[in-house]
């Protein structure tokens, strides 16, 4: 069973305000669970969101300014 996180916990985990995970939920950009009138986010959904939005560094070298 996956741990279910509150919106506050997700915001803290992502280092954002509470508004950001609420917007992700509203725009249906992240999986969430309704528990009565409460909203919970599975921990695996946060991990998947982070992995999907991680940008790898470019392999190209920058020109040096000389």
PDB file of N, CA and C in Angstrom:
ATOM      1  N   UNK A   1       0.844  -1.187   0.000  1.00  0.00           N
ATOM      2  CA  UNK A   1       0.000   0.000   0.000  1.00  0.00           C
ATOM      3  C   UNK A   1       0.883   1.241   0.000  1.00  0.00           C
ATOM      4  N   UNK A   2       0.566   2.152  -0.859  1.00  0.00           N
ATOM      5  CA  UNK A   2       1.316   3.401  -0.987  1.00  0.00           C
ATOM      6  C   UNK A   2       0.882   4.382   0.095  1.00  0.00           C
ATOM      7  N   UNK A   3       1.829   5.136   0.628  1.00  0.00           N
ATOM      8  CA  UNK A   3       1.507   6.135   1.638  1.00  0.00           C
ATOM      9  C   UNK A   3       0.765   7.297   0.979  1.00  0.00           C
ATOM     10  N   UNK A   4      -0.307   7.746   1.602  1.00  0.00           N
ATOM     11  CA  UNK A   4      -1.086   8.879   1.085  1.00  0.00           C
ATOM     12  C   UNK A   4      -0.675  10.136   1.825  1.00  0.00           C
ATOM     13  N   UNK A   5      -0.318  11.172   1.069  1.00  0.00           N
ATOM     14  CA  UNK A   5       0.168  12.425   1.631  1.00  0.00           C
ATOM     15  C   UNK A   5      -0.892  13.509   1.543  1.00  0.00           C
ATOM     16  N   UNK A   6      -0.860  14.415   2.502  1.00  0.00           N
ATOM     17  CA  UNK A   6      -1.741  15.579   2.455  1.00  0.00           C
ATOM     18  C   UNK A   6      -1.158  16.598   1.483  1.00  0.00           C
ATOM     19  N   UNK A   7      -1.946  17.569   1.124  1.00  0.00           N
ATOM     20  CA  UNK A   7      -1.483  18.638   0.238  1.00  0.00           C
ATOM     21  C   UNK A   7      -0.329  19.393   0.906  1.00  0.00           C
ATOM     22  N   UNK A   8      -0.432  19.617   2.211  1.00  0.00           N
ATOM     23  CA  UNK A   8       0.642  20.293   2.942  1.00  0.00           C
ATOM     24  C   UNK A   8       1.942  19.495   2.888  1.00  0.00           C
ATOM     25  N   UNK A   9       1.862  18.188   3.043  1.00  0.00           N
ATOM     26  CA  UNK A   9       3.051  17.340   2.994  1.00  0.00           C
ATOM     27  C   UNK A   9       3.681  17.354   1.605  1.00  0.00           C
ATOM     28  N   UNK A  10       2.857  17.338   0.575  1.00  0.00           N
ATOM     29  CA  UNK A  10       3.363  17.391  -0.798  1.00  0.00           C
ATOM     30  C   UNK A  10       4.060  18.718  -1.061  1.00  0.00           C
ATOM     31  N   UNK A  11       3.460  19.796  -0.614  1.00  0.00           N
ATOM     32  CA  UNK A  11       4.073  21.116  -0.790  1.00  0.00           C
ATOM     33  C   UNK A  11       5.431  21.164  -0.107  1.00  0.00           C
ATOM     34  N   UNK A  12       5.520  20.632   1.093  1.00  0.00           N
ATOM     35  CA  UNK A  12       6.798  20.625   1.817  1.00  0.00           C
ATOM     36  C   UNK A  12       7.819  19.756   1.087  1.00  0.00           C
ATOM     37  N   UNK A  13       7.385  18.604   0.600  1.00  0.00           N
ATOM     38  CA  UNK A  13       8.275  17.695  -0.119  1.00  0.00           C
ATOM     39  C   UNK A  13       8.824  18.337  -1.391  1.00  0.00           C
ATOM     40  N   UNK A  14       7.963  19.074  -2.108  1.00  0.00           N
ATOM     41  CA  UNK A  14       8.384  19.730  -3.345  1.00  0.00           C
ATOM     42  C   UNK A  14       9.070  21.070  -3.102  1.00  0.00           C
ATOM     43  N   UNK A  15       8.982  21.576  -1.883  1.00  0.00           N
ATOM     44  CA  UNK A  15       9.588  22.874  -1.581  1.00  0.00           C
ATOM     45  C   UNK A  15       8.804  24.026  -2.183  1.00  0.00           C
ATOM     46  N   UNK A  16       7.482  23.879  -2.216  1.00  0.00           N
ATOM     47  CA  UNK A  16       6.623  24.911  -2.796  1.00  0.00           C
ATOM     48  C   UNK A  16       5.569  25.342  -1.781  1.00  0.00           C
ATOM     49  N   UNK A  17       4.743  26.267  -2.188  1.00  0.00           N
ATOM     50  CA  UNK A  17       3.599  26.632  -1.358  1.00  0.00           C
ATOM     51  C   UNK A  17       2.493  25.603  -1.581  1.00  0.00           C
ATOM     52  N   UNK A  18       1.482  25.627  -0.765  1.00  0.00           N
ATOM     53  CA  UNK A  18       0.345  24.702  -0.877  1.00  0.00           C
ATOM     54  C   UNK A  18      -0.417  24.934  -2.175  1.00  0.00           C
ATOM     55  N   UNK A  19      -0.336  26.134  -2.683  1.00  0.00           N
ATOM     56  CA  UNK A  19      -1.069  26.482  -3.906  1.00  0.00           C
ATOM     57  C   UNK A  19      -0.635  25.627  -5.104  1.00  0.00           C
ATOM     58  N   UNK A  20       0.652  25.297  -5.182  1.00  0.00           N
ATOM     59  CA  UNK A  20       1.162  24.534  -6.324  1.00  0.00           C
ATOM     60  C   UNK A  20       0.564  23.130  -6.401  1.00  0.00           C
ATOM     61  N   UNK A  21       0.624  22.294  -5.348  1.00  0.00           N
ATOM     62  CA  UNK A  21      -0.014  20.977  -5.464  1.00  0.00           C
ATOM     63  C   UNK A  21      -1.534  21.066  -5.661  1.00  0.00           C
ATOM     64  N   UNK A  22      -2.157  22.086  -5.094  1.00  0.00           N
ATOM     65  CA  UNK A  22      -3.600  22.256  -5.317  1.00  0.00           C
ATOM     66  C   UNK A  22      -3.889  22.527  -6.794  1.00  0.00           C
ATOM     67  N   UNK A  23      -3.009  23.300  -7.441  1.00  0.00           N
ATOM     68  CA  UNK A  23      -3.179  23.585  -8.860  1.00  0.00           C
ATOM     69  C   UNK A  23      -2.956  22.309  -9.693  1.00  0.00           C
ATOM     70  N   UNK A  24      -1.965  21.504  -9.305  1.00  0.00           N
ATOM     71  CA  UNK A  24      -1.733  20.233 -10.001  1.00  0.00           C
ATOM     72  C   UNK A  24      -2.976  19.351  -9.928  1.00  0.00           C
ATOM     73  N   UNK A  25      -3.616  19.333  -8.772  1.00  0.00           N
ATOM     74  CA  UNK A  25      -4.837  18.544  -8.581  1.00  0.00           C
ATOM     75  C   UNK A  25      -5.971  19.112  -9.428  1.00  0.00           C
ATOM     76  N   UNK A  26      -6.155  20.415  -9.362  1.00  0.00           N
ATOM     77  CA  UNK A  26      -7.246  21.060 -10.103  1.00  0.00           C
ATOM     78  C   UNK A  26      -7.119  20.845 -11.602  1.00  0.00           C
ATOM     79  N   UNK A  27      -5.890  20.902 -12.110  1.00  0.00           N
ATOM     80  CA  UNK A  27      -5.642  20.731 -13.543  1.00  0.00           C
ATOM     81  C   UNK A  27      -5.521  19.258 -13.931  1.00  0.00           C
ATOM     82  N   UNK A  28      -5.715  18.361 -12.964  1.00  0.00           N
ATOM     83  CA  UNK A  28      -5.626  16.906 -13.176  1.00  0.00           C
ATOM     84  C   UNK A  28      -4.274  16.502 -13.752  1.00  0.00           C
ATOM     85  N   UNK A  29      -3.199  17.145 -13.274  1.00  0.00           N
ATOM     86  CA  UNK A  29      -1.847  16.842 -13.740  1.00  0.00           C
ATOM     87  C   UNK A  29      -1.143  15.848 -12.828  1.00  0.00           C
ATOM     88  N   UNK A  30      -1.805  15.447 -11.747  1.00  0.00           N
ATOM     89  CA  UNK A  30      -1.235  14.507 -10.800  1.00  0.00           C
ATOM     90  C   UNK A  30      -2.350  13.613 -10.269  1.00  0.00           C
ATOM     91  N   UNK A  31      -2.006  12.374  -9.978  1.00  0.00           N
ATOM     92  CA  UNK A  31      -2.983  11.430  -9.431  1.00  0.00           C
ATOM     93  C   UNK A  31      -3.310  11.803  -7.993  1.00  0.00           C
ATOM     94  N   UNK A  32      -4.592  11.735  -7.649  1.00  0.00           N
ATOM     95  CA  UNK A  32      -4.988  12.008  -6.268  1.00  0.00           C
ATOM     96  C   UNK A  32      -6.158  11.123  -5.885  1.00  0.00           C
ATOM     97  N   UNK A  33      -6.398  11.025  -4.582  1.00  0.00           N
ATOM     98  CA  UNK A  33      -7.461  10.189  -4.039  1.00  0.00           C
ATOM     99  C   UNK A  33      -8.373  11.062  -3.199  1.00  0.00           C
ATOM    100  N   UNK A  34      -9.680  10.917  -3.399  1.00  0.00           N
ATOM    101  CA  UNK A  34     -10.650  11.620  -2.556  1.00  0.00           C
ATOM    102  C   UNK A  34     -11.018  10.682  -1.404  1.00  0.00           C
ATOM    103  N   UNK A  35     -10.805  11.147  -0.188  1.00  0.00           N
ATOM    104  CA  UNK A  35     -11.185  10.404   1.014  1.00  0.00           C
ATOM    105  C   UNK A  35     -12.232  11.266   1.702  1.00  0.00           C
ATOM    106  N   UNK A  36     -13.498  10.981   1.389  1.00  0.00           N
ATOM    107  CA  UNK A  36     -14.555  11.871   1.854  1.00  0.00           C
ATOM    108  C   UNK A  36     -14.373  13.211   1.172  1.00  0.00           C
ATOM    109  N   UNK A  37     -14.249  14.272   1.967  1.00  0.00           N
ATOM    110  CA  UNK A  37     -14.000  15.592   1.371  1.00  0.00           C
ATOM    111  C   UNK A  37     -12.524  15.973   1.396  1.00  0.00           C
ATOM    112  N   UNK A  38     -11.697  15.037   1.838  1.00  0.00           N
ATOM    113  CA  UNK A  38     -10.255  15.266   1.896  1.00  0.00           C
ATOM    114  C   UNK A  38      -9.583  14.767   0.622  1.00  0.00           C
ATOM    115  N   UNK A  39      -8.479  15.399   0.270  1.00  0.00           N
ATOM    116  CA  UNK A  39      -7.698  14.995  -0.897  1.00  0.00           C
ATOM    117  C   UNK A  39      -6.354  14.479  -0.409  1.00  0.00           C
ATOM    118  N   UNK A  40      -5.960  13.321  -0.920  1.00  0.00           N
ATOM    119  CA  UNK A  40      -4.663  12.735  -0.587  1.00  0.00           C
ATOM    120  C   UNK A  40      -3.950  12.382  -1.885  1.00  0.00           C
ATOM    121  N   UNK A  41      -2.626  12.486  -1.859  1.00  0.00           N
ATOM    122  CA  UNK A  41      -1.818  12.195  -3.031  1.00  0.00           C
ATOM    123  C   UNK A  41      -0.920  11.010  -2.713  1.00  0.00           C
ATOM    124  N   UNK A  42      -0.988   9.946  -3.535  1.00  0.00           N
ATOM    125  CA  UNK A  42      -0.102   8.808  -3.299  1.00  0.00           C
ATOM    126  C   UNK A  42       1.359   9.223  -3.468  1.00  0.00           C
ATOM    127  N   UNK A  43       2.208   8.712  -2.604  1.00  0.00           N
ATOM    128  CA  UNK A  43       3.633   9.064  -2.646  1.00  0.00           C
ATOM    129  C   UNK A  43       4.240   8.725  -4.006  1.00  0.00           C
ATOM    130  N   UNK A  44       3.816   7.605  -4.608  1.00  0.00           N
ATOM    131  CA  UNK A  44       4.343   7.211  -5.919  1.00  0.00           C
ATOM    132  C   UNK A  44       3.984   8.230  -6.999  1.00  0.00           C
ATOM    133  N   UNK A  45       2.863   8.942  -6.835  1.00  0.00           N
ATOM    134  CA  UNK A  45       2.473   9.968  -7.807  1.00  0.00           C
ATOM    135  C   UNK A  45       3.441  11.142  -7.763  1.00  0.00           C
ATOM    136  N   UNK A  46       3.922  11.468  -6.568  1.00  0.00           N
ATOM    137  CA  UNK A  46       4.903  12.555  -6.429  1.00  0.00           C
ATOM    138  C   UNK A  46       6.232  12.135  -7.056  1.00  0.00           C
ATOM    139  N   UNK A  47       6.650  10.905  -6.778  1.00  0.00           N
ATOM    140  CA  UNK A  47       7.897  10.395  -7.360  1.00  0.00           C
ATOM    141  C   UNK A  47       7.796  10.396  -8.885  1.00  0.00           C
ATOM    142  N   UNK A  48       6.671   9.944  -9.426  1.00  0.00           N
ATOM    143  CA  UNK A  48       6.471   9.922 -10.881  1.00  0.00           C
ATOM    144  C   UNK A  48       6.475  11.342 -11.456  1.00  0.00           C
ATOM    145  N   UNK A  49       5.839  12.280 -10.750  1.00  0.00           N
ATOM    146  CA  UNK A  49       5.808  13.671 -11.219  1.00  0.00           C
ATOM    147  C   UNK A  49       7.221  14.253 -11.264  1.00  0.00           C
ATOM    148  N   UNK A  50       8.003  14.001 -10.228  1.00  0.00           N
ATOM    149  CA  UNK A  50       9.381  14.509 -10.182  1.00  0.00           C
ATOM    150  C   UNK A  50      10.203  13.898 -11.311  1.00  0.00           C
ATOM    151  N   UNK A  51      10.085  12.588 -11.515  1.00  0.00           N
ATOM    152  CA  UNK A  51      10.839  11.920 -12.580  1.00  0.00           C
ATOM    153  C   UNK A  51      10.430  12.442 -13.955  1.00  0.00           C
ATOM    154  N   UNK A  52       9.150  12.652 -14.171  1.00  0.00           N
ATOM    155  CA  UNK A  52       8.662  13.116 -15.476  1.00  0.00           C
ATOM    156  C   UNK A  52       9.086  14.549 -15.774  1.00  0.00           C
ATOM    157  N   UNK A  53       9.335  15.337 -14.738  1.00  0.00           N
ATOM    158  CA  UNK A  53       9.680  16.746 -14.939  1.00  0.00           C
ATOM    159  C   UNK A  53      11.134  17.069 -14.652  1.00  0.00           C
ATOM    160  N   UNK A  54      11.949  16.034 -14.498  1.00  0.00           N
ATOM    161  CA  UNK A  54      13.377  16.239 -14.280  1.00  0.00           C
ATOM    162  C   UNK A  54      14.053  16.458 -15.626  1.00  0.00           C
ATOM    163  N   UNK A  55      14.835  17.510 -15.710  1.00  0.00           N
ATOM    164  CA  UNK A  55      15.528  17.865 -16.944  1.00  0.00           C
ATOM    165  C   UNK A  55      16.995  17.478 -16.792  1.00  0.00           C
ATOM    166  N   UNK A  56      17.460  16.643 -17.703  1.00  0.00           N
ATOM    167  CA  UNK A  56      18.853  16.204 -17.666  1.00  0.00           C
ATOM    168  C   UNK A  56      19.751  17.315 -18.198  1.00  0.00           C
ATOM    169  N   UNK A  57      20.986  17.369 -17.711  1.00  0.00           N
ATOM    170  CA  UNK A  57      21.906  18.395 -18.211  1.00  0.00           C
ATOM    171  C   UNK A  57      22.255  18.130 -19.675  1.00  0.00           C
ATOM    172  N   UNK A  58      22.548  19.189 -20.370  1.00  0.00           N
ATOM    173  CA  UNK A  58      22.906  19.091 -21.779  1.00  0.00           C
ATOM    174  C   UNK A  58      24.319  18.539 -21.910  1.00  0.00           C
ATOM    175  N   UNK A  59      24.539  17.710 -22.914  1.00  0.00           N
ATOM    176  CA  UNK A  59      25.859  17.140 -23.152  1.00  0.00           C
ATOM    177  C   UNK A  59      26.750  18.117 -23.922  1.00  0.00           C
ATOM    178  N   UNK A  60      26.164  19.126 -24.480  1.00  0.00           N
ATOM    179  CA  UNK A  60      26.920  20.084 -25.274  1.00  0.00           C
ATOM    180  C   UNK A  60      27.762  20.973 -24.362  1.00  0.00           C
ATOM    181  N   UNK A  61      28.945  21.289 -24.819  1.00  0.00           N
ATOM    182  CA  UNK A  61      29.840  22.139 -24.029  1.00  0.00           C
ATOM    183  C   UNK A  61      29.617  23.598 -24.395  1.00  0.00           C
ATOM    184  N   UNK A  62      29.657  24.428 -23.408  1.00  0.00           N
ATOM    185  CA  UNK A  62      29.511  25.865 -23.642  1.00  0.00           C
ATOM    186  C   UNK A  62      30.851  26.434 -24.094  1.00  0.00           C
ATOM    187  N   UNK A  63      30.766  27.448 -24.931  1.00  0.00           N
ATOM    188  CA  UNK A  63      32.004  28.108 -25.361  1.00  0.00           C
ATOM    189  C   UNK A  63      32.582  28.897 -24.201  1.00  0.00           C
ATOM    190  N   UNK A  64      33.872  28.838 -24.073  1.00  0.00           N
ATOM    191  CA  UNK A  64      34.504  29.636 -23.022  1.00  0.00           C
ATOM    192  C   UNK A  64      34.725  31.050 -23.530  1.00  0.00           C
ATOM    193  N   UNK A  65      34.563  31.996 -22.658  1.00  0.00           N
ATOM    194  CA  UNK A  65      34.754  33.397 -23.001  1.00  0.00           C
ATOM    195  C   UNK A  65      36.199  33.743 -22.704  1.00  0.00           C
ATOM    196  N   UNK A  66      36.962  34.069 -23.737  1.00  0.00           N
ATOM    197  CA  UNK A  66      38.378  34.376 -23.529  1.00  0.00           C
ATOM    198  C   UNK A  66      38.749  35.698 -24.110  1.00  0.00           C
TER     199      UNK A  66
END
